[in-house]
Each structure stands twice: as C-alpha cells, then as structure tokens.
Amino acid sequence: MAKRDSFAIRKRILFLLKEGPLTLSQIERKINTNSRTVKLDCEELAFYRLISIEEKLHPSNGRSSFLINLTLNGHDITKSCK
C-alpha cells in the first residue's frame, strides 16, 4: 500500500471539517490514519489559521478531548479547491 503524502491528508481533513466540527479521534477514524499524524497535521493547519482547536474537558471523568472547527479562512480555501 502506498504511503499518502501529508498534503493529501491535510486536504482530506479540511474537506471533512466542511461538514461540521469533529474531534481528533473522529478525524482519525474517517481518514484511517494514526492519531499522531492527525494531531500534527491539525496543529499545522491551526498555525495557518485554517482550523481552530478547542480543548474540552469531559464533565464526569476530567479527560480532555479536542474539538476541531473550520475557520472562515478554511471555508474560503475549501470553496476555491475541489
């Protein structure tokens, strides 16, 4: 199986987030790649202000999860690319 390049993974993340906000684990399952790759690619997309990352604490167990949203810049990018 051929290795996917990071550009293709980042592009897939942006188009998934076009449907609505997702957690890192949801993105990981939909793209079928490991969590470290998803986290690093999301951090890079956040650096370029294409997505925003919010940390949420679960009320009962205190574990943190990250909610990923597409920003206005990200919406503009996904509209111009198909």
PDB file of N, CA and C in Angstrom:
ATOM      1  N   MET A   1       0.840  -1.171   0.000  1.00  0.00           N
ATOM      2  CA  MET A   1       0.000   0.000   0.000  1.00  0.00           C
ATOM      3  C   MET A   1       0.889   1.239   0.000  1.00  0.00           C
ATOM      4  N   ALA A   2       0.591   2.185  -0.842  1.00  0.00           N
ATOM      5  CA  ALA A   2       1.400   3.387  -0.968  1.00  0.00           C
ATOM      6  C   ALA A   2       1.122   4.340   0.192  1.00  0.00           C
ATOM      7  N   LYS A   3       2.168   5.001   0.622  1.00  0.00           N
ATOM      8  CA  LYS A   3       2.043   5.969   1.703  1.00  0.00           C
ATOM      9  C   LYS A   3       1.428   7.252   1.143  1.00  0.00           C
ATOM     10  N   ARG A   4       0.467   7.800   1.877  1.00  0.00           N
ATOM     11  CA  ARG A   4      -0.151   9.057   1.461  1.00  0.00           C
ATOM     12  C   ARG A   4       0.732  10.216   1.905  1.00  0.00           C
ATOM     13  N   ASP A   5       0.789  11.247   1.090  1.00  0.00           N
ATOM     14  CA  ASP A   5       1.574  12.406   1.488  1.00  0.00           C
ATOM     15  C   ASP A   5       0.759  13.283   2.435  1.00  0.00           C
ATOM     16  N   SER A   6       1.459  14.132   3.177  1.00  0.00           N
ATOM     17  CA  SER A   6       0.796  14.944   4.190  1.00  0.00           C
ATOM     18  C   SER A   6      -0.160  15.958   3.568  1.00  0.00           C
ATOM     19  N   PHE A   7       0.127  16.405   2.352  1.00  0.00           N
ATOM     20  CA  PHE A   7      -0.784  17.329   1.676  1.00  0.00           C
ATOM     21  C   PHE A   7      -2.155  16.700   1.473  1.00  0.00           C
ATOM     22  N   ALA A   8      -2.177  15.457   1.044  1.00  0.00           N
ATOM     23  CA  ALA A   8      -3.446  14.764   0.816  1.00  0.00           C
ATOM     24  C   ALA A   8      -4.213  14.575   2.123  1.00  0.00           C
ATOM     25  N   ILE A   9      -3.505  14.303   3.200  1.00  0.00           N
ATOM     26  CA  ILE A   9      -4.158  14.125   4.498  1.00  0.00           C
ATOM     27  C   ILE A   9      -4.729  15.443   4.989  1.00  0.00           C
ATOM     28  N   ARG A  10      -3.965  16.528   4.856  1.00  0.00           N
ATOM     29  CA  ARG A  10      -4.456  17.848   5.293  1.00  0.00           C
ATOM     30  C   ARG A  10      -5.665  18.284   4.463  1.00  0.00           C
ATOM     31  N   LYS A  11      -5.612  18.016   3.181  1.00  0.00           N
ATOM     32  CA  LYS A  11      -6.739  18.366   2.298  1.00  0.00           C
ATOM     33  C   LYS A  11      -7.988  17.581   2.707  1.00  0.00           C
ATOM     34  N   ARG A  12      -7.816  16.318   3.017  1.00  0.00           N
ATOM     35  CA  ARG A  12      -8.941  15.479   3.452  1.00  0.00           C
ATOM     36  C   ARG A  12      -9.507  15.989   4.773  1.00  0.00           C
ATOM     37  N   ILE A  13      -8.649  16.422   5.696  1.00  0.00           N
ATOM     38  CA  ILE A  13      -9.102  16.977   6.979  1.00  0.00           C
ATOM     39  C   ILE A  13      -9.966  18.210   6.735  1.00  0.00           C
ATOM     40  N   LEU A  14      -9.511  19.108   5.877  1.00  0.00           N
ATOM     41  CA  LEU A  14     -10.272  20.327   5.595  1.00  0.00           C
ATOM     42  C   LEU A  14     -11.643  20.010   5.017  1.00  0.00           C
ATOM     43  N   PHE A  15     -11.706  19.059   4.085  1.00  0.00           N
ATOM     44  CA  PHE A  15     -12.986  18.738   3.466  1.00  0.00           C
ATOM     45  C   PHE A  15     -13.913  17.980   4.415  1.00  0.00           C
ATOM     46  N   LEU A  16     -13.359  17.224   5.363  1.00  0.00           N
ATOM     47  CA  LEU A  16     -14.186  16.584   6.384  1.00  0.00           C
ATOM     48  C   LEU A  16     -14.797  17.622   7.312  1.00  0.00           C
ATOM     49  N   LEU A  17     -14.014  18.626   7.676  1.00  0.00           N
ATOM     50  CA  LEU A  17     -14.489  19.660   8.599  1.00  0.00           C
ATOM     51  C   LEU A  17     -15.504  20.590   7.947  1.00  0.00           C
ATOM     52  N   LYS A  18     -15.593  20.550   6.644  1.00  0.00           N
ATOM     53  CA  LYS A  18     -16.590  21.349   5.935  1.00  0.00           C
ATOM     54  C   LYS A  18     -18.006  20.915   6.332  1.00  0.00           C
ATOM     55  N   GLU A  19     -18.164  19.630   6.686  1.00  0.00           N
ATOM     56  CA  GLU A  19     -19.465  19.095   7.098  1.00  0.00           C
ATOM     57  C   GLU A  19     -19.839  19.516   8.510  1.00  0.00           C
ATOM     58  N   GLY A  20     -18.844  19.811   9.343  1.00  0.00           N
ATOM     59  CA  GLY A  20     -19.102  20.213  10.720  1.00  0.00           C
ATOM     60  C   GLY A  20     -17.908  19.900  11.602  1.00  0.00           C
ATOM     61  N   PRO A  21     -17.929  20.384  12.848  1.00  0.00           N
ATOM     62  CA  PRO A  21     -16.799  20.140  13.753  1.00  0.00           C
ATOM     63  C   PRO A  21     -16.665  18.665  14.121  1.00  0.00           C
ATOM     64  N   LEU A  22     -15.416  18.227  14.277  1.00  0.00           N
ATOM     65  CA  LEU A  22     -15.115  16.847  14.631  1.00  0.00           C
ATOM     66  C   LEU A  22     -14.032  16.823  15.706  1.00  0.00           C
ATOM     67  N   THR A  23     -13.940  15.719  16.428  1.00  0.00           N
ATOM     68  CA  THR A  23     -12.845  15.534  17.371  1.00  0.00           C
ATOM     69  C   THR A  23     -11.676  14.895  16.642  1.00  0.00           C
ATOM     70  N   LEU A  24     -10.509  14.911  17.281  1.00  0.00           N
ATOM     71  CA  LEU A  24      -9.331  14.291  16.673  1.00  0.00           C
ATOM     72  C   LEU A  24      -9.559  12.810  16.405  1.00  0.00           C
ATOM     73  N   SER A  25     -10.202  12.119  17.338  1.00  0.00           N
ATOM     74  CA  SER A  25     -10.427  10.683  17.148  1.00  0.00           C
ATOM     75  C   SER A  25     -11.412  10.407  16.012  1.00  0.00           C
ATOM     76  N   GLN A  26     -12.397  11.261  15.821  1.00  0.00           N
ATOM     77  CA  GLN A  26     -13.324  11.080  14.707  1.00  0.00           C
ATOM     78  C   GLN A  26     -12.611  11.274  13.370  1.00  0.00           C
ATOM     79  N   ILE A  27     -11.737  12.280  13.306  1.00  0.00           N
ATOM     80  CA  ILE A  27     -10.966  12.515  12.081  1.00  0.00           C
ATOM     81  C   ILE A  27     -10.054  11.328  11.815  1.00  0.00           C
ATOM     82  N   GLU A  28      -9.420  10.837  12.869  1.00  0.00           N
ATOM     83  CA  GLU A  28      -8.517   9.690  12.748  1.00  0.00           C
ATOM     84  C   GLU A  28      -9.231   8.487  12.138  1.00  0.00           C
ATOM     85  N   ARG A  29     -10.432   8.203  12.612  1.00  0.00           N
ATOM     86  CA  ARG A  29     -11.184   7.051  12.099  1.00  0.00           C
ATOM     87  C   ARG A  29     -11.650   7.274  10.659  1.00  0.00           C
ATOM     88  N   LYS A  30     -12.087   8.492  10.334  1.00  0.00           N
ATOM     89  CA  LYS A  30     -12.597   8.742   8.987  1.00  0.00           C
ATOM     90  C   LYS A  30     -11.491   8.750   7.934  1.00  0.00           C
ATOM     91  N   ILE A  31     -10.301   9.207   8.305  1.00  0.00           N
ATOM     92  CA  ILE A  31      -9.189   9.259   7.365  1.00  0.00           C
ATOM     93  C   ILE A  31      -8.423   7.947   7.344  1.00  0.00           C
ATOM     94  N   ASN A  32      -8.558   7.167   8.406  1.00  0.00           N
ATOM     95  CA  ASN A  32      -7.871   5.889   8.548  1.00  0.00           C
ATOM     96  C   ASN A  32      -6.349   6.077   8.607  1.00  0.00           C
ATOM     97  N   THR A  33      -5.942   6.921   9.549  1.00  0.00           N
ATOM     98  CA  THR A  33      -4.526   7.135   9.810  1.00  0.00           C
ATOM     99  C   THR A  33      -4.326   7.253  11.310  1.00  0.00           C
ATOM    100  N   ASN A  34      -3.087   7.288  11.764  1.00  0.00           N
ATOM    101  CA  ASN A  34      -2.850   7.282  13.205  1.00  0.00           C
ATOM    102  C   ASN A  34      -3.084   8.655  13.839  1.00  0.00           C
ATOM    103  N   SER A  35      -3.242   8.654  15.156  1.00  0.00           N
ATOM    104  CA  SER A  35      -3.599   9.871  15.875  1.00  0.00           C
ATOM    105  C   SER A  35      -2.481  10.905  15.853  1.00  0.00           C
ATOM    106  N   ARG A  36      -1.244  10.454  15.875  1.00  0.00           N
ATOM    107  CA  ARG A  36      -0.114  11.402  15.859  1.00  0.00           C
ATOM    108  C   ARG A  36      -0.086  12.195  14.558  1.00  0.00           C
ATOM    109  N   THR A  37      -0.312  11.534  13.447  1.00  0.00           N
ATOM    110  CA  THR A  37      -0.346  12.212  12.148  1.00  0.00           C
ATOM    111  C   THR A  37      -1.464  13.235  12.107  1.00  0.00           C
ATOM    112  N   VAL A  38      -2.643  12.850  12.579  1.00  0.00           N
ATOM    113  CA  VAL A  38      -3.792  13.761  12.572  1.00  0.00           C
ATOM    114  C   VAL A  38      -3.509  14.962  13.463  1.00  0.00           C
ATOM    115  N   LYS A  39      -2.959  14.728  14.645  1.00  0.00           N
ATOM    116  CA  LYS A  39      -2.689  15.824  15.574  1.00  0.00           C
ATOM    117  C   LYS A  39      -1.662  16.800  14.994  1.00  0.00           C
ATOM    118  N   LEU A  40      -0.581  16.276  14.436  1.00  0.00           N
ATOM    119  CA  LEU A  40       0.448  17.149  13.854  1.00  0.00           C
ATOM    120  C   LEU A  40      -0.085  17.940  12.664  1.00  0.00           C
ATOM    121  N   ASP A  41      -0.863  17.293  11.810  1.00  0.00           N
ATOM    122  CA  ASP A  41      -1.427  17.995  10.657  1.00  0.00           C
ATOM    123  C   ASP A  41      -2.449  19.045  11.091  1.00  0.00           C
ATOM    124  N   CYS A  42      -3.245  18.740  12.108  1.00  0.00           N
ATOM    125  CA  CYS A  42      -4.199  19.722  12.620  1.00  0.00           C
ATOM    126  C   CYS A  42      -3.484  20.906  13.258  1.00  0.00           C
ATOM    127  N   GLU A  43      -2.383  20.653  13.960  1.00  0.00           N
ATOM    128  CA  GLU A  43      -1.615  21.751  14.550  1.00  0.00           C
ATOM    129  C   GLU A  43      -1.046  22.660  13.467  1.00  0.00           C
ATOM    130  N   GLU A  44      -0.602  22.074  12.359  1.00  0.00           N
ATOM    131  CA  GLU A  44      -0.086  22.893  11.266  1.00  0.00           C
ATOM    132  C   GLU A  44      -1.207  23.697  10.604  1.00  0.00           C
ATOM    133  N   LEU A  45      -2.361  23.087  10.397  1.00  0.00           N
ATOM    134  CA  LEU A  45      -3.496  23.815   9.822  1.00  0.00           C
ATOM    135  C   LEU A  45      -3.954  24.931  10.753  1.00  0.00           C
ATOM    136  N   ALA A  46      -3.872  24.712  12.056  1.00  0.00           N
ATOM    137  CA  ALA A  46      -4.239  25.748  13.033  1.00  0.00           C
ATOM    138  C   ALA A  46      -3.224  26.892  12.995  1.00  0.00           C
ATOM    139  N   PHE A  47      -1.954  26.574  12.765  1.00  0.00           N
ATOM    140  CA  PHE A  47      -0.915  27.597  12.658  1.00  0.00           C
ATOM    141  C   PHE A  47      -1.229  28.544  11.506  1.00  0.00           C
ATOM    142  N   TYR A  48      -1.715  27.998  10.401  1.00  0.00           N
ATOM    143  CA  TYR A  48      -2.085  28.811   9.243  1.00  0.00           C
ATOM    144  C   TYR A  48      -3.499  29.373   9.344  1.00  0.00           C
ATOM    145  N   ARG A  49      -4.132  29.179  10.481  1.00  0.00           N
ATOM    146  CA  ARG A  49      -5.477  29.695  10.798  1.00  0.00           C
ATOM    147  C   ARG A  49      -6.552  29.201   9.834  1.00  0.00           C
ATOM    148  N   LEU A  50      -6.412  27.949   9.405  1.00  0.00           N
ATOM    149  CA  LEU A  50      -7.442  27.332   8.579  1.00  0.00           C
ATOM    150  C   LEU A  50      -8.443  26.573   9.438  1.00  0.00           C
ATOM    151  N   ILE A  51      -8.003  26.138  10.621  1.00  0.00           N
ATOM    152  CA  ILE A  51      -8.889  25.469  11.577  1.00  0.00           C
ATOM    153  C   ILE A  51      -8.630  26.036  12.967  1.00  0.00           C
ATOM    154  N   SER A  52      -9.565  25.784  13.872  1.00  0.00           N
ATOM    155  CA  SER A  52      -9.361  26.142  15.277  1.00  0.00           C
ATOM    156  C   SER A  52      -9.493  24.869  16.104  1.00  0.00           C
ATOM    157  N   ILE A  53      -8.694  24.792  17.155  1.00  0.00           N
ATOM    158  CA  ILE A  53      -8.689  23.623  18.030  1.00  0.00           C
ATOM    159  C   ILE A  53      -9.115  24.069  19.424  1.00  0.00           C
ATOM    160  N   GLU A  54     -10.201  23.484  19.914  1.00  0.00           N
ATOM    161  CA  GLU A  54     -10.696  23.780  21.255  1.00  0.00           C
ATOM    162  C   GLU A  54     -10.529  22.562  22.138  1.00  0.00           C
ATOM    163  N   GLU A  55      -9.983  22.768  23.333  1.00  0.00           N
ATOM    164  CA  GLU A  55      -9.853  21.658  24.276  1.00  0.00           C
ATOM    165  C   GLU A  55     -11.084  21.651  25.177  1.00  0.00           C
ATOM    166  N   LYS A  56     -11.741  20.526  25.243  1.00  0.00           N
ATOM    167  CA  LYS A  56     -12.932  20.347  26.081  1.00  0.00           C
ATOM    168  C   LYS A  56     -12.636  19.296  27.139  1.00  0.00           C
ATOM    169  N   LEU A  57     -13.047  19.559  28.370  1.00  0.00           N
ATOM    170  CA  LEU A  57     -12.903  18.579  29.440  1.00  0.00           C
ATOM    171  C   LEU A  57     -14.220  17.861  29.636  1.00  0.00           C
ATOM    172  N   HIS A  58     -14.158  16.552  29.725  1.00  0.00           N
ATOM    173  CA  HIS A  58     -15.349  15.756  29.971  1.00  0.00           C
ATOM    174  C   HIS A  58     -15.792  16.009  31.408  1.00  0.00           C
ATOM    175  N   PRO A  59     -17.073  16.294  31.648  1.00  0.00           N
ATOM    176  CA  PRO A  59     -17.521  16.665  32.992  1.00  0.00           C
ATOM    177  C   PRO A  59     -17.393  15.555  34.036  1.00  0.00           C
ATOM    178  N   SER A  60     -17.561  14.303  33.636  1.00  0.00           N
ATOM    179  CA  SER A  60     -17.556  13.243  34.639  1.00  0.00           C
ATOM    180  C   SER A  60     -16.170  12.681  34.936  1.00  0.00           C
ATOM    181  N   ASN A  61     -15.319  12.543  33.913  1.00  0.00           N
ATOM    182  CA  ASN A  61     -14.023  11.931  34.168  1.00  0.00           C
ATOM    183  C   ASN A  61     -12.846  12.891  34.034  1.00  0.00           C
ATOM    184  N   GLY A  62     -13.058  14.099  33.579  1.00  0.00           N
ATOM    185  CA  GLY A  62     -12.000  15.097  33.501  1.00  0.00           C
ATOM    186  C   GLY A  62     -11.015  14.914  32.359  1.00  0.00           C
ATOM    187  N   ARG A  63     -11.248  13.961  31.475  1.00  0.00           N
ATOM    188  CA  ARG A  63     -10.354  13.753  30.339  1.00  0.00           C
ATOM    189  C   ARG A  63     -10.592  14.842  29.294  1.00  0.00           C
ATOM    190  N   SER A  64      -9.520  15.218  28.643  1.00  0.00           N
ATOM    191  CA  SER A  64      -9.654  16.265  27.639  1.00  0.00           C
ATOM    192  C   SER A  64      -9.836  15.660  26.251  1.00  0.00           C
ATOM    193  N   SER A  65     -10.608  16.344  25.453  1.00  0.00           N
ATOM    194  CA  SER A  65     -10.755  15.994  24.038  1.00  0.00           C
ATOM    195  C   SER A  65     -10.640  17.298  23.255  1.00  0.00           C
ATOM    196  N   PHE A  66     -10.300  17.179  21.998  1.00  0.00           N
ATOM    197  CA  PHE A  66     -10.073  18.356  21.176  1.00  0.00           C
ATOM    198  C   PHE A  66     -11.118  18.416  20.083  1.00  0.00           C
ATOM    199  N   LEU A  67     -11.830  19.528  20.021  1.00  0.00           N
ATOM    200  CA  LEU A  67     -12.846  19.751  19.004  1.00  0.00           C
ATOM    201  C   LEU A  67     -12.233  20.632  17.924  1.00  0.00           C
ATOM    202  N   ILE A  68     -12.300  20.178  16.689  1.00  0.00           N
ATOM    203  CA  ILE A  68     -11.680  20.867  15.564  1.00  0.00           C
ATOM    204  C   ILE A  68     -12.778  21.520  14.723  1.00  0.00           C
ATOM    205  N   ASN A  69     -12.641  22.827  14.482  1.00  0.00           N
ATOM    206  CA  ASN A  69     -13.589  23.593  13.672  1.00  0.00           C
ATOM    207  C   ASN A  69     -12.869  24.217  12.492  1.00  0.00           C
ATOM    208  N   LEU A  70     -13.583  24.389  11.408  1.00  0.00           N
ATOM    209  CA  LEU A  70     -13.060  25.080  10.235  1.00  0.00           C
ATOM    210  C   LEU A  70     -13.275  26.582  10.434  1.00  0.00           C
ATOM    211  N   THR A  71     -12.256  27.394  10.193  1.00  0.00           N
ATOM    212  CA  THR A  71     -12.377  28.845  10.322  1.00  0.00           C
ATOM    213  C   THR A  71     -12.898  29.436   9.010  1.00  0.00           C
ATOM    214  N   LEU A  72     -13.113  30.740   9.014  1.00  0.00           N
ATOM    215  CA  LEU A  72     -13.562  31.398   7.782  1.00  0.00           C
ATOM    216  C   LEU A  72     -12.522  31.261   6.670  1.00  0.00           C
ATOM    217  N   ASN A  73     -11.240  31.362   7.029  1.00  0.00           N
ATOM    218  CA  ASN A  73     -10.179  31.160   6.025  1.00  0.00           C
ATOM    219  C   ASN A  73     -10.245  29.739   5.461  1.00  0.00           C
ATOM    220  N   GLY A  74     -10.506  28.769   6.325  1.00  0.00           N
ATOM    221  CA  GLY A  74     -10.626  27.386   5.883  1.00  0.00           C
ATOM    222  C   GLY A  74     -11.802  27.183   4.954  1.00  0.00           C
ATOM    223  N   HIS A  75     -12.932  27.855   5.249  1.00  0.00           N
ATOM    224  CA  HIS A  75     -14.089  27.762   4.357  1.00  0.00           C
ATOM    225  C   HIS A  75     -13.758  28.340   2.988  1.00  0.00           C
ATOM    226  N   ASP A  76     -13.041  29.462   2.973  1.00  0.00           N
ATOM    227  CA  ASP A  76     -12.666  30.076   1.695  1.00  0.00           C
ATOM    228  C   ASP A  76     -11.766  29.161   0.881  1.00  0.00           C
ATOM    229  N   ILE A  77     -10.823  28.505   1.557  1.00  0.00           N
ATOM    230  CA  ILE A  77      -9.907  27.584   0.871  1.00  0.00           C
ATOM    231  C   ILE A  77     -10.666  26.405   0.271  1.00  0.00           C
ATOM    232  N   THR A  78     -11.596  25.815   1.057  1.00  0.00           N
ATOM    233  CA  THR A  78     -12.319  24.642   0.562  1.00  0.00           C
ATOM    234  C   THR A  78     -13.287  25.006  -0.561  1.00  0.00           C
ATOM    235  N   LYS A  79     -13.765  26.247  -0.595  1.00  0.00           N
ATOM    236  CA  LYS A  79     -14.629  26.661  -1.696  1.00  0.00           C
ATOM    237  C   LYS A  79     -13.846  26.788  -2.994  1.00  0.00           C
ATOM    238  N   SER A  80     -12.600  27.283  -2.883  1.00  0.00           N
ATOM    239  CA  SER A  80     -11.816  27.510  -4.094  1.00  0.00           C
ATOM    240  C   SER A  80     -11.185  26.216  -4.629  1.00  0.00           C
ATOM    241  N   CYS A  81     -11.036  25.203  -3.781  1.00  0.00           N
ATOM    242  CA  CYS A  81     -10.442  23.915  -4.195  1.00  0.00           C
ATOM    243  C   CYS A  81     -11.531  22.866  -4.289  1.00  0.00           C
ATOM    244  N   LYS A  82     -11.418  22.012  -5.221  1.00  0.00           N
ATOM    245  CA  LYS A  82     -12.389  20.906  -5.353  1.00  0.00           C
ATOM    246  C   LYS A  82     -11.685  19.600  -5.293  1.00  0.00           C
TER     247      LYS A  82
END
